[in-house]
Amino acid sequence: MDFTNKRALVTGAVGGIGSAIVAQLRAAGAKVAVADRDVTNIMAEAHLPGDLTDPQYASTLPDQAAQALGGLDIVINNAGIMRRGPVTASSDEDFDLSIAVNVKAPFQVCRAAIPLLAANGGGAIVNTASCWGVHPGPDHAVYCMTKAAIASLTKCMGRDHAHQGIRVNAVCPNEVDTPMLRTGFELRGYDSATAIAELDKTVPIGRIAQPEDIAEVVLFLASDHARYMCGELVEVNGGKPVS
């Protein structure tokens, strides 16, 4: 895939999946603006640090990226958080923060980006949803709810803005070997390497995903190879259903 002369904004750029997306985009020729709380240790053409729970930051990110890169062709809403537990074990803080990062920020970024992309003749938006948002599983009530919301928003925007040459799609991973996943195991008292080895056994393809597995699907959805796809939720799960 050739992204020469393409300009992309990636949120959640420092995490496992985000950093893989950024690296692959840049290797394919794109100029990339990275957004995260701390972006000092990631290579990119533009660094836009900030807090996505701040509406002013989220709403101005696309314009900041366009100014820094000389335009904007691709937006990848990858930032996300996971709070575990059933509703009865979920706090108001769990709910508010999950909504702010997983739903409100992508909504605000898309709302600001769509006019820029339309004025440029079109572009691509790729959201990171989750298999758990399409097929809700146990003990992740708030997380599943927010990922279902971004999946639904993706389908709505895909239909609403296709006529402007803007393709909106989402990648829906299952478990991915990221720092977030490993930290979650450690917070619950598990050895992360052992826990991931056990998870690997539950996947028909033989292992959980690596960030690069997800990033390559994101790049496909952002590329001209996916030119006839809009409003799609692409599950990347190694054959493992949510259970």
Protein backbone atom coordinates (compact mmCIF):
# COMPACT_ATOMS: atom_id res chain seq x y z
CA MET A 1 0.00 0.00 0.00
CA ASP A 2 1.34 3.38 -1.04
CA PHE A 3 0.49 6.40 1.13
CA THR A 4 2.87 8.82 -0.54
CA ASN A 5 1.57 12.40 -0.19
CA LYS A 6 -1.16 11.28 2.22
CA ARG A 7 -1.53 13.12 5.52
CA ALA A 8 -2.88 11.27 8.54
CA LEU A 9 -3.93 11.98 12.12
CA VAL A 10 -3.63 9.10 14.60
CA THR A 11 -4.99 9.32 18.14
CA GLY A 12 -3.80 6.96 20.85
CA ALA A 13 -0.58 6.98 18.87
CA VAL A 14 1.75 5.82 21.61
CA GLY A 15 -0.10 2.63 22.60
CA GLY A 16 0.62 -0.79 21.15
CA ILE A 17 -1.78 -0.61 18.21
CA GLY A 18 -1.33 3.13 17.72
CA SER A 19 2.45 3.00 17.47
CA ALA A 20 2.21 0.14 14.97
CA ILE A 21 -0.24 2.16 12.86
CA VAL A 22 2.05 5.19 12.89
CA ALA A 23 5.12 3.15 11.96
CA GLN A 24 3.35 1.40 9.10
CA LEU A 25 1.83 4.62 7.73
CA ARG A 26 5.18 6.37 7.74
CA ALA A 27 6.91 3.37 6.17
CA ALA A 28 4.33 3.53 3.38
CA GLY A 29 5.08 7.20 2.71
CA ALA A 30 2.46 9.07 4.74
CA LYS A 31 3.05 12.18 6.80
CA VAL A 32 1.60 11.57 10.25
CA ALA A 33 0.40 13.78 13.10
CA VAL A 34 0.35 11.89 16.39
CA ALA A 35 -1.98 12.62 19.30
CA ASP A 36 -1.61 11.23 22.81
CA ARG A 37 -0.89 12.48 26.31
CA ASP A 38 2.88 12.21 25.78
CA VAL A 39 4.24 11.90 22.25
CA THR A 40 7.89 12.71 22.90
CA ASN A 41 9.14 9.19 22.16
CA ILE A 42 7.39 8.49 18.86
CA MET A 43 8.65 9.43 15.41
CA ALA A 44 6.20 11.53 13.39
CA GLU A 45 5.99 14.63 11.25
CA ALA A 46 3.80 16.46 13.78
CA HIS A 47 3.36 16.00 17.53
CA LEU A 48 0.06 17.11 19.06
CA PRO A 49 0.04 16.14 22.75
CA GLY A 50 -3.07 16.61 24.83
CA ASP A 51 -5.95 15.10 26.76
CA LEU A 52 -8.81 13.73 24.68
CA THR A 53 -11.21 14.25 27.58
CA ASP A 54 -10.75 17.99 26.96
CA PRO A 55 -13.41 18.92 24.37
CA GLN A 56 -11.37 21.88 23.14
CA TYR A 57 -8.42 19.61 22.39
CA ALA A 58 -10.44 16.87 20.69
CA SER A 59 -12.48 19.30 18.62
CA THR A 60 -9.44 21.14 17.29
CA LEU A 61 -7.17 18.14 16.62
CA PRO A 62 -8.09 17.73 12.92
CA ASP A 63 -7.46 21.40 12.23
CA GLN A 64 -4.15 21.27 14.15
CA ALA A 65 -3.12 18.24 12.12
CA ALA A 66 -4.14 19.85 8.84
CA GLN A 67 -2.17 22.98 9.63
CA ALA A 68 0.90 20.99 10.65
CA LEU A 69 0.83 18.63 7.67
CA GLY A 70 -0.49 20.97 4.99
CA GLY A 71 -3.84 19.16 4.78
CA LEU A 72 -5.60 16.05 5.99
CA ASP A 73 -6.58 12.87 4.15
CA ILE A 74 -6.87 10.19 6.84
CA VAL A 75 -8.14 10.17 10.43
CA ILE A 76 -7.60 7.17 12.68
CA ASN A 77 -9.47 7.27 16.00
CA ASN A 78 -7.46 4.67 17.88
CA ALA A 79 -7.40 6.01 21.45
CA GLY A 80 -9.36 3.96 23.95
CA ILE A 81 -9.51 2.69 27.50
CA MET A 82 -10.91 -0.48 29.05
CA ARG A 83 -12.65 -0.64 32.41
CA ARG A 84 -13.66 -4.15 33.47
CA GLY A 85 -16.57 -5.50 35.49
CA PRO A 86 -20.36 -5.82 35.40
CA VAL A 87 -22.54 -2.75 35.88
CA THR A 88 -22.74 -3.37 39.63
CA ALA A 89 -18.95 -3.15 39.90
CA SER A 90 -18.61 -0.08 37.66
CA SER A 91 -18.28 3.41 39.12
CA ASP A 92 -19.49 6.71 37.76
CA GLU A 93 -15.84 7.51 37.08
CA ASP A 94 -15.50 4.32 35.02
CA PHE A 95 -18.57 5.32 33.02
CA ASP A 96 -17.66 9.00 32.54
CA LEU A 97 -14.05 8.38 31.53
CA SER A 98 -14.96 5.53 29.17
CA ILE A 99 -17.60 7.63 27.46
CA ALA A 100 -15.22 10.60 27.22
CA VAL A 101 -12.35 8.68 25.62
CA ASN A 102 -14.10 5.89 23.69
CA VAL A 103 -17.15 7.76 22.40
CA LYS A 104 -17.18 11.52 22.86
CA ALA A 105 -13.62 12.17 21.66
CA PRO A 106 -13.98 10.17 18.40
CA PHE A 107 -17.33 11.88 17.83
CA GLN A 108 -15.73 15.30 18.28
CA VAL A 109 -12.73 14.43 16.12
CA CYS A 110 -14.96 13.13 13.33
CA ARG A 111 -17.28 16.12 13.54
CA ALA A 112 -14.32 18.45 13.06
CA ALA A 113 -12.53 16.32 10.47
CA ILE A 114 -15.40 15.63 8.06
CA PRO A 115 -15.67 19.21 6.72
CA LEU A 116 -11.89 19.29 6.19
CA LEU A 117 -11.90 15.99 4.33
CA ALA A 118 -14.93 17.00 2.26
CA ALA A 119 -13.29 20.29 1.26
CA ASN A 120 -10.27 18.27 0.14
CA GLY A 121 -12.38 16.01 -2.08
CA GLY A 122 -12.76 13.15 0.38
CA GLY A 123 -10.69 10.89 2.58
CA ALA A 124 -10.87 8.01 5.02
CA ILE A 125 -11.75 7.68 8.69
CA VAL A 126 -10.94 4.46 10.55
CA ASN A 127 -12.24 3.96 14.07
CA THR A 128 -11.03 1.33 16.51
CA ALA A 129 -14.11 -0.45 17.80
CA SER A 130 -13.99 -4.02 19.15
CA CYS A 131 -15.43 -7.48 18.64
CA TRP A 132 -16.79 -6.91 22.16
CA GLY A 133 -18.83 -3.99 20.87
CA VAL A 134 -20.37 -6.12 18.11
CA HIS A 135 -20.83 -9.24 20.27
CA PRO A 136 -20.89 -8.09 23.93
CA GLY A 137 -19.17 -10.43 26.35
CA PRO A 138 -19.29 -10.87 30.12
CA ASP A 139 -17.90 -8.60 32.83
CA HIS A 140 -17.05 -5.67 30.55
CA ALA A 141 -20.37 -3.81 30.59
CA VAL A 142 -19.12 -0.25 30.21
CA TYR A 143 -16.41 -1.17 27.70
CA CYS A 144 -18.83 -3.15 25.53
CA MET A 145 -21.35 -0.30 25.65
CA THR A 146 -18.83 2.29 24.48
CA LYS A 147 -17.45 0.09 21.70
CA ALA A 148 -21.00 -0.66 20.54
CA ALA A 149 -21.56 3.09 20.40
CA ILE A 150 -18.50 3.72 18.22
CA ALA A 151 -19.48 0.79 15.99
CA SER A 152 -22.95 2.26 15.49
CA LEU A 153 -21.54 5.74 14.92
CA THR A 154 -19.20 4.31 12.29
CA LYS A 155 -22.08 2.73 10.37
CA CYS A 156 -24.12 5.93 10.55
CA MET A 157 -21.28 8.17 9.39
CA GLY A 158 -20.34 5.70 6.67
CA ARG A 159 -23.77 6.13 5.12
CA ASP A 160 -24.11 9.84 5.80
CA HIS A 161 -20.81 10.95 4.27
CA ALA A 162 -20.07 8.47 1.49
CA HIS A 163 -21.50 10.94 -1.03
CA GLN A 164 -18.74 13.37 -0.01
CA GLY A 165 -16.05 10.87 -0.88
CA ILE A 166 -15.43 10.13 2.80
CA ARG A 167 -15.22 6.46 3.75
CA VAL A 168 -15.79 5.68 7.42
CA ASN A 169 -15.04 2.16 8.65
CA ALA A 170 -13.98 0.46 11.87
CA VAL A 171 -11.59 -2.29 12.82
CA CYS A 172 -12.90 -4.60 15.55
CA PRO A 173 -10.12 -6.53 17.28
CA ASN A 174 -10.46 -9.23 19.92
CA GLU A 175 -7.55 -9.65 22.36
CA VAL A 176 -4.33 -7.95 21.28
CA ASP A 177 -0.93 -8.26 22.95
CA THR A 178 -0.56 -4.64 24.03
CA PRO A 179 0.75 -2.89 27.15
CA MET A 180 -2.88 -2.21 28.10
CA LEU A 181 -3.71 -5.93 28.05
CA ARG A 182 -0.58 -6.90 29.97
CA THR A 183 -1.13 -4.17 32.57
CA GLY A 184 -4.70 -5.37 33.04
CA PHE A 185 -3.46 -8.87 33.86
CA GLU A 186 -0.86 -7.54 36.27
CA LEU A 187 -3.39 -5.35 38.09
CA ARG A 188 -5.44 -8.48 38.71
CA GLY A 189 -2.42 -10.30 40.10
CA TYR A 190 -1.55 -12.46 37.08
CA ASP A 191 1.78 -12.94 35.37
CA SER A 192 1.15 -11.32 32.00
CA ALA A 193 3.36 -13.68 29.98
CA THR A 194 1.65 -16.75 31.43
CA ALA A 195 -1.80 -15.23 30.98
CA ILE A 196 -1.15 -14.41 27.32
CA ALA A 197 0.20 -17.92 26.70
CA GLU A 198 -3.07 -19.28 28.08
CA LEU A 199 -5.06 -16.87 25.92
CA ASP A 200 -3.14 -18.03 22.86
CA LYS A 201 -4.59 -21.53 23.39
CA THR A 202 -8.14 -20.19 23.05
CA VAL A 203 -7.63 -18.75 19.55
CA PRO A 204 -8.20 -21.05 16.55
CA ILE A 205 -5.35 -19.45 14.63
CA GLY A 206 -3.04 -20.27 17.55
CA ARG A 207 -2.29 -16.90 19.14
CA ILE A 208 -3.83 -13.60 20.09
CA ALA A 209 -3.16 -10.67 17.77
CA GLN A 210 -0.02 -8.60 17.73
CA PRO A 211 -0.47 -4.83 17.21
CA GLU A 212 0.92 -5.15 13.67
CA ASP A 213 -1.91 -7.57 12.77
CA ILE A 214 -4.46 -4.88 13.58
CA ALA A 215 -2.45 -2.02 12.09
CA GLU A 216 -2.27 -3.71 8.70
CA VAL A 217 -6.07 -3.96 8.56
CA VAL A 218 -6.34 -0.30 9.57
CA LEU A 219 -4.02 0.65 6.72
CA PHE A 220 -6.07 -1.43 4.30
CA LEU A 221 -9.26 0.38 5.36
CA ALA A 222 -7.52 3.74 4.98
CA SER A 223 -6.15 2.87 1.55
CA ASP A 224 -7.58 2.91 -1.96
CA HIS A 225 -7.71 -0.89 -1.80
CA ALA A 226 -10.81 -0.42 0.37
CA ARG A 227 -12.30 2.20 -1.95
CA TYR A 228 -15.71 0.47 -2.08
CA MET A 229 -16.05 -0.03 1.68
CA CYS A 230 -17.93 2.37 3.92
CA GLY A 231 -19.74 1.89 7.21
CA GLU A 232 -18.16 -1.55 7.69
CA LEU A 233 -17.12 -3.20 10.95
CA VAL A 234 -14.18 -5.47 10.16
CA GLU A 235 -13.59 -8.10 12.84
CA VAL A 236 -9.99 -9.22 13.31
CA ASN A 237 -10.16 -12.05 15.81
CA GLY A 238 -8.10 -15.05 14.65
CA GLY A 239 -11.31 -17.03 14.45
CA LYS A 240 -12.09 -16.60 18.16
CA PRO A 241 -15.65 -15.60 19.08
CA VAL A 242 -16.37 -13.41 22.08
CA SER A 243 -17.18 -15.62 25.04
